[in-house]
Amino acid sequence: MKFAVIANPTKYSVKEPFVDLLKWSDEHEVQVYFCSDLRTLYDGEDHPSAVVVDDEESAIDQADIIIALGGDGTMLYTARLMKSIQKPILGVNSGRLGFMAYTQKENLHQALEYLIKDEYRIEKRYLLEAKDNQGNIYHALNEFLFSKKDSTSMVNVGAEYNEMFINNYWADGLIVASPTGSTAYNLSSGGPIVMPNTDVIVVTPINPHTLTTRPLVLPSDKHLKVTVEKQDHEVLFSYDGQIKEISDYPYKVHIKRSNFTIDLIELPNQSYFDTLRQKLMWGMDSRNRT
């Protein structure tokens, strides 16, 4: 068995589970591939399982299973690396929330046991694809975002679906989210939670000027066209947090479901609804706290 580890070495929470992973792999004769940036995390200790390579792409290429160690930011980064590579990804949450990183670092050993025994399910998550009127193509696992830059003014963004006009949104921004991204910025902006792999996209205005302007759930097999006209202030377009400044107007983006998917590992003792209950504290009675 060969693992590749994708992690951000500057995150303090990554070191403990990374070293723990290496020690477990030493004992179980598993090889762990990772780029040289992560060597600083184990302070020169001798780990027979460790295989240092030049970059993350090389680690992924040589591994059977990819372990994304960190939080949802690391998962999004891993998804960008692997959008055209079908290898299973285990998300290990070393941070706080982590809706995609199902496995908590405290349960790492049990998760690794499941992996080497091939006892896991694959949950496919599709990406969204956006093509702008300049010919650029972007992909996002969570969301595309149209937002204002350094301004107290609202932005005006038009939307059409399958050549049918929806609305001119006057708001702080507009989110176009996948089901996976429904629990990210979309959720904090009042959008709905959507079961992964539902064939929909979610259109959610951020702090709209009119209270009657509500989120929309649309089938993902047709194009959503978003148009940004020239305004008195700058507007940003971003995909999973990667920012593109808009310079030419009108800026038009066609968004639909992508053919790219990533394979997330779901262990026998995990489910999407377990994650929702734990992360959102559903059913917790605050009166029982001391």
Protein backbone atom coordinates (compact mmCIF):
# COMPACT_ATOMS: atom_id res chain seq x y z
CA MET A 1 0.00 0.00 0.00
CA LYS A 2 1.25 3.47 -0.90
CA PHE A 3 -0.11 6.73 0.49
CA ALA A 4 0.51 10.28 -0.71
CA VAL A 5 0.09 13.10 1.81
CA ILE A 6 -1.04 16.58 0.79
CA ALA A 7 -0.75 19.10 3.61
CA ASN A 8 0.20 22.69 4.38
CA PRO A 9 3.38 22.57 6.52
CA THR A 10 2.76 26.09 7.85
CA LYS A 11 -0.39 24.95 9.69
CA TYR A 12 0.51 24.14 13.30
CA SER A 13 -2.26 21.53 13.57
CA VAL A 14 -0.77 19.34 10.81
CA LYS A 15 2.45 18.24 12.52
CA GLU A 16 1.03 15.88 15.15
CA PRO A 17 -1.19 13.80 12.82
CA PHE A 18 1.49 13.76 10.10
CA VAL A 19 4.11 12.31 12.46
CA ASP A 20 1.49 9.93 13.82
CA LEU A 21 0.79 8.76 10.26
CA LEU A 22 4.48 8.13 9.62
CA LYS A 23 4.90 6.13 12.85
CA TRP A 24 1.87 3.98 12.03
CA SER A 25 3.16 3.44 8.48
CA ASP A 26 6.60 2.44 9.82
CA GLU A 27 4.94 -0.33 11.84
CA HIS A 28 2.71 -1.54 9.00
CA GLU A 29 5.29 -1.40 6.18
CA VAL A 30 3.34 1.21 4.24
CA GLN A 31 5.10 3.77 2.06
CA VAL A 32 4.18 7.43 2.43
CA TYR A 33 5.04 9.81 -0.41
CA PHE A 34 5.17 13.56 0.15
CA CYS A 35 7.02 16.61 -1.15
CA SER A 36 10.13 17.96 0.55
CA ASP A 37 8.28 20.88 2.21
CA LEU A 38 6.81 18.46 4.74
CA ARG A 39 10.20 17.19 5.96
CA THR A 40 10.33 20.05 8.46
CA LEU A 41 7.37 18.50 10.31
CA TYR A 42 9.29 15.49 11.64
CA ASP A 43 12.59 17.19 12.53
CA GLY A 44 14.90 14.73 10.83
CA GLU A 45 13.61 11.63 12.64
CA ASP A 46 14.18 8.32 10.90
CA HIS A 47 10.99 7.00 9.31
CA PRO A 48 11.45 4.00 6.98
CA SER A 49 8.00 4.65 5.52
CA ALA A 50 8.85 8.19 4.35
CA VAL A 51 9.51 8.72 0.63
CA VAL A 52 10.36 12.33 -0.19
CA VAL A 53 9.68 13.43 -3.78
CA ASP A 54 10.14 16.68 -5.68
CA ASP A 55 6.52 17.82 -5.78
CA GLU A 56 2.95 16.89 -4.89
CA GLU A 57 2.15 15.73 -8.41
CA SER A 58 4.91 13.11 -8.17
CA ALA A 59 3.60 11.91 -4.81
CA ILE A 60 0.07 11.56 -6.21
CA ASP A 61 1.33 9.75 -9.30
CA GLN A 62 3.07 7.03 -7.24
CA ALA A 63 0.42 6.49 -4.58
CA ASP A 64 -2.63 4.25 -4.33
CA ILE A 65 -4.53 6.50 -1.93
CA ILE A 66 -4.23 10.25 -1.32
CA ILE A 67 -4.50 11.60 2.22
CA ALA A 68 -5.45 15.27 2.44
CA LEU A 69 -4.35 16.33 5.90
CA GLY A 70 -5.70 19.64 7.19
CA GLY A 71 -9.19 21.02 6.62
CA ASP A 72 -11.53 21.88 3.79
CA GLY A 73 -8.97 24.32 2.35
CA THR A 74 -6.54 21.42 1.90
CA MET A 75 -9.34 19.35 0.37
CA LEU A 76 -10.06 22.09 -2.18
CA TYR A 77 -6.37 22.35 -3.01
CA THR A 78 -6.16 18.57 -3.44
CA ALA A 79 -9.23 18.63 -5.68
CA ARG A 80 -7.52 21.16 -7.97
CA LEU A 81 -4.48 18.89 -8.19
CA MET A 82 -6.59 15.83 -8.95
CA LYS A 83 -9.50 17.00 -11.07
CA SER A 84 -8.43 14.71 -13.93
CA ILE A 85 -6.97 11.90 -11.75
CA GLN A 86 -9.28 9.21 -10.37
CA LYS A 87 -7.62 8.10 -7.15
CA PRO A 88 -9.41 7.86 -3.79
CA ILE A 89 -8.90 10.72 -1.32
CA LEU A 90 -9.17 10.45 2.45
CA GLY A 91 -9.77 13.78 4.15
CA VAL A 92 -8.31 13.98 7.66
CA ASN A 93 -9.46 17.02 9.61
CA SER A 94 -6.76 18.54 11.81
CA GLY A 95 -8.52 21.89 12.07
CA ARG A 96 -11.90 23.01 13.28
CA LEU A 97 -14.91 22.51 11.01
CA GLY A 98 -14.13 20.42 7.92
CA PHE A 99 -17.25 19.19 6.09
CA MET A 100 -15.25 17.31 3.44
CA ALA A 101 -12.51 16.03 5.73
CA TYR A 102 -14.70 13.37 7.34
CA THR A 103 -12.02 11.70 9.51
CA GLN A 104 -10.93 13.41 12.71
CA LYS A 105 -7.23 13.19 13.56
CA GLU A 106 -8.11 11.30 16.76
CA ASN A 107 -9.51 8.49 14.58
CA LEU A 108 -6.57 8.35 12.18
CA HIS A 109 -5.31 4.87 13.16
CA GLN A 110 -8.72 3.28 12.72
CA ALA A 111 -9.10 4.98 9.34
CA LEU A 112 -5.72 3.69 8.15
CA GLU A 113 -6.68 0.16 9.21
CA TYR A 114 -9.79 0.40 7.06
CA LEU A 115 -7.69 1.61 4.11
CA ILE A 116 -5.19 -1.24 4.14
CA LYS A 117 -8.06 -3.73 4.46
CA ASP A 118 -9.84 -2.09 1.52
CA GLU A 119 -12.88 -1.47 3.70
CA TYR A 120 -14.27 1.81 2.42
CA ARG A 121 -16.77 3.28 -0.02
CA ILE A 122 -16.16 5.85 -2.76
CA GLU A 123 -18.34 8.93 -2.89
CA LYS A 124 -17.96 10.81 -6.16
CA ARG A 125 -18.16 14.59 -5.94
CA TYR A 126 -18.50 16.55 -9.17
CA LEU A 127 -16.94 19.92 -9.87
CA LEU A 128 -18.56 22.94 -11.46
CA GLU A 129 -17.13 24.36 -14.69
CA ALA A 130 -17.19 28.00 -15.75
CA LYS A 131 -16.25 29.37 -19.17
CA ASP A 132 -15.96 33.13 -19.58
CA ASN A 133 -16.30 35.26 -22.70
CA GLN A 134 -12.50 35.48 -22.92
CA GLY A 135 -12.26 31.71 -23.45
CA ASN A 136 -10.88 30.89 -19.98
CA ILE A 137 -12.17 27.77 -18.23
CA TYR A 138 -12.31 27.45 -14.44
CA HIS A 139 -13.29 24.58 -12.14
CA ALA A 140 -14.59 24.66 -8.58
CA LEU A 141 -15.52 21.95 -6.11
CA ASN A 142 -17.30 24.38 -3.78
CA GLU A 143 -18.39 27.54 -5.52
CA PHE A 144 -17.92 30.40 -7.93
CA LEU A 145 -18.28 33.85 -6.41
CA PHE A 146 -18.96 37.29 -7.85
CA SER A 147 -18.26 39.94 -5.22
CA LYS A 148 -17.32 43.55 -4.63
CA LYS A 149 -13.75 44.66 -3.99
CA ASP A 150 -12.84 47.26 -1.36
CA SER A 151 -16.18 49.01 -1.56
CA THR A 152 -19.24 49.61 0.58
CA SER A 153 -21.38 49.68 -2.56
CA MET A 154 -23.35 46.69 -3.75
CA VAL A 155 -22.69 44.93 -7.03
CA ASN A 156 -25.20 44.39 -9.80
CA VAL A 157 -25.05 40.92 -11.36
CA GLY A 158 -27.43 39.53 -13.96
CA ALA A 159 -28.34 35.84 -14.24
CA GLU A 160 -30.01 33.71 -16.92
CA TYR A 161 -30.74 29.99 -16.90
CA ASN A 162 -31.09 28.06 -20.15
CA GLU A 163 -31.57 31.41 -21.95
CA MET A 164 -34.36 32.41 -19.53
CA PHE A 165 -33.84 35.62 -17.55
CA ILE A 166 -33.80 35.10 -13.76
CA ASN A 167 -32.92 38.39 -12.12
CA ASN A 168 -30.56 41.32 -11.82
CA TYR A 169 -29.10 40.76 -8.36
CA TRP A 170 -28.27 43.88 -6.37
CA ALA A 171 -26.30 42.52 -3.43
CA ASP A 172 -22.88 42.21 -1.78
CA GLY A 173 -22.24 39.32 -4.15
CA LEU A 174 -23.58 36.21 -5.82
CA ILE A 175 -22.61 32.60 -5.02
CA VAL A 176 -23.01 29.74 -7.48
CA ALA A 177 -22.42 26.59 -5.42
CA SER A 178 -22.25 22.85 -6.03
CA PRO A 179 -23.92 20.42 -3.59
CA THR A 180 -20.49 19.92 -1.99
CA GLY A 181 -20.15 23.69 -1.60
CA SER A 182 -23.63 24.07 -0.16
CA THR A 183 -22.16 23.73 3.37
CA ALA A 184 -19.49 26.39 2.73
CA TYR A 185 -20.04 30.11 1.95
CA ASN A 186 -23.50 29.26 0.63
CA LEU A 187 -24.61 28.01 4.04
CA SER A 188 -23.29 31.06 5.90
CA SER A 189 -25.16 33.28 3.41
CA GLY A 190 -28.49 31.61 4.08
CA GLY A 191 -28.44 29.07 1.25
CA PRO A 192 -29.79 25.51 1.56
CA ILE A 193 -27.84 22.37 2.43
CA VAL A 194 -27.88 20.00 -0.55
CA MET A 195 -27.12 16.28 -0.48
CA PRO A 196 -23.85 15.55 -2.35
CA ASN A 197 -24.24 14.32 -5.95
CA THR A 198 -27.69 15.82 -6.33
CA ASP A 199 -27.74 17.10 -9.91
CA VAL A 200 -28.25 20.75 -9.04
CA ILE A 201 -26.47 24.06 -8.60
CA VAL A 202 -27.42 26.65 -5.98
CA VAL A 203 -27.61 30.37 -6.73
CA THR A 204 -27.42 32.41 -3.52
CA PRO A 205 -27.28 36.24 -3.27
CA ILE A 206 -25.16 37.64 -0.43
CA ASN A 207 -27.05 40.25 1.62
CA PRO A 208 -29.44 41.18 -1.21
CA HIS A 209 -30.96 44.66 -1.29
CA THR A 210 -34.46 43.17 -1.34
CA LEU A 211 -35.44 40.63 1.31
CA THR A 212 -37.67 38.81 -1.18
CA THR A 213 -34.64 37.85 -3.29
CA ARG A 214 -34.02 34.28 -2.18
CA PRO A 215 -31.64 31.42 -3.09
CA LEU A 216 -32.49 29.24 -6.10
CA VAL A 217 -31.83 25.55 -6.72
CA LEU A 218 -31.46 24.74 -10.43
CA PRO A 219 -30.75 21.55 -12.45
CA SER A 220 -27.03 21.39 -13.25
CA ASP A 221 -27.32 19.99 -16.78
CA LYS A 222 -28.14 23.39 -18.35
CA HIS A 223 -26.02 26.56 -18.43
CA LEU A 224 -26.36 29.34 -15.93
CA LYS A 225 -25.10 32.58 -17.48
CA VAL A 226 -23.89 35.31 -15.14
CA THR A 227 -23.22 38.78 -16.55
CA VAL A 228 -21.34 41.59 -14.83
CA GLU A 229 -21.67 45.00 -16.46
CA LYS A 230 -19.22 47.88 -15.95
CA GLN A 231 -19.77 49.47 -12.54
CA ASP A 232 -18.40 52.35 -10.47
CA HIS A 233 -16.23 49.95 -8.48
CA GLU A 234 -14.30 46.76 -9.12
CA VAL A 235 -15.94 43.34 -9.10
CA LEU A 236 -14.06 40.10 -8.39
CA PHE A 237 -14.69 36.62 -9.79
CA SER A 238 -13.31 33.72 -7.75
CA TYR A 239 -13.36 29.94 -7.92
CA ASP A 240 -12.85 28.10 -4.61
CA GLY A 241 -11.09 31.16 -3.24
CA GLN A 242 -8.79 31.68 -6.24
CA ILE A 243 -9.37 35.27 -7.33
CA LYS A 244 -9.54 36.72 -10.83
CA GLU A 245 -9.89 40.48 -11.19
CA ILE A 246 -12.29 41.50 -13.94
CA SER A 247 -10.78 44.01 -16.35
CA ASP A 248 -13.02 43.84 -19.45
CA TYR A 249 -16.77 44.44 -19.31
CA PRO A 250 -19.35 43.15 -19.81
CA TYR A 251 -17.92 40.00 -18.24
CA LYS A 252 -19.98 36.90 -19.00
CA VAL A 253 -19.56 33.46 -17.45
CA HIS A 254 -21.38 30.25 -18.42
CA ILE A 255 -21.55 27.76 -15.53
CA LYS A 256 -22.61 24.11 -15.57
CA ARG A 257 -21.74 20.76 -14.01
CA SER A 258 -18.26 19.58 -15.02
CA ASN A 259 -17.32 16.15 -16.29
CA PHE A 260 -14.54 16.11 -13.68
CA THR A 261 -15.16 14.34 -10.37
CA ILE A 262 -13.07 13.51 -7.33
CA ASP A 263 -13.37 10.28 -5.33
CA LEU A 264 -13.80 10.89 -1.60
CA ILE A 265 -13.36 7.97 0.78
CA GLU A 266 -16.21 7.24 3.17
CA LEU A 267 -15.35 4.76 5.92
CA PRO A 268 -17.75 2.13 7.32
CA ASN A 269 -18.52 4.21 10.42
CA GLN A 270 -19.16 7.45 8.51
CA SER A 271 -22.04 9.09 6.65
CA TYR A 272 -22.83 12.56 5.34
CA PHE A 273 -25.59 13.01 7.90
CA ASP A 274 -23.25 12.02 10.75
CA THR A 275 -20.98 14.83 9.61
CA LEU A 276 -23.84 17.34 9.50
CA ARG A 277 -25.00 16.40 12.99
CA GLN A 278 -21.51 16.68 14.43
CA LYS A 279 -20.41 19.86 12.66
CA LEU A 280 -23.70 21.73 13.00
CA MET A 281 -24.48 20.29 16.44
CA TRP A 282 -27.95 19.18 15.42
CA GLY A 283 -29.94 17.81 18.34
CA MET A 284 -27.55 19.22 20.94
CA ASP A 285 -29.34 20.63 23.98
CA SER A 286 -27.37 23.57 25.36
CA ARG A 287 -29.20 23.17 28.68
CA ASN A 288 -27.15 20.02 29.32
CA ARG A 289 -23.88 21.98 29.29
CA THR A 290 -22.18 22.78 32.58
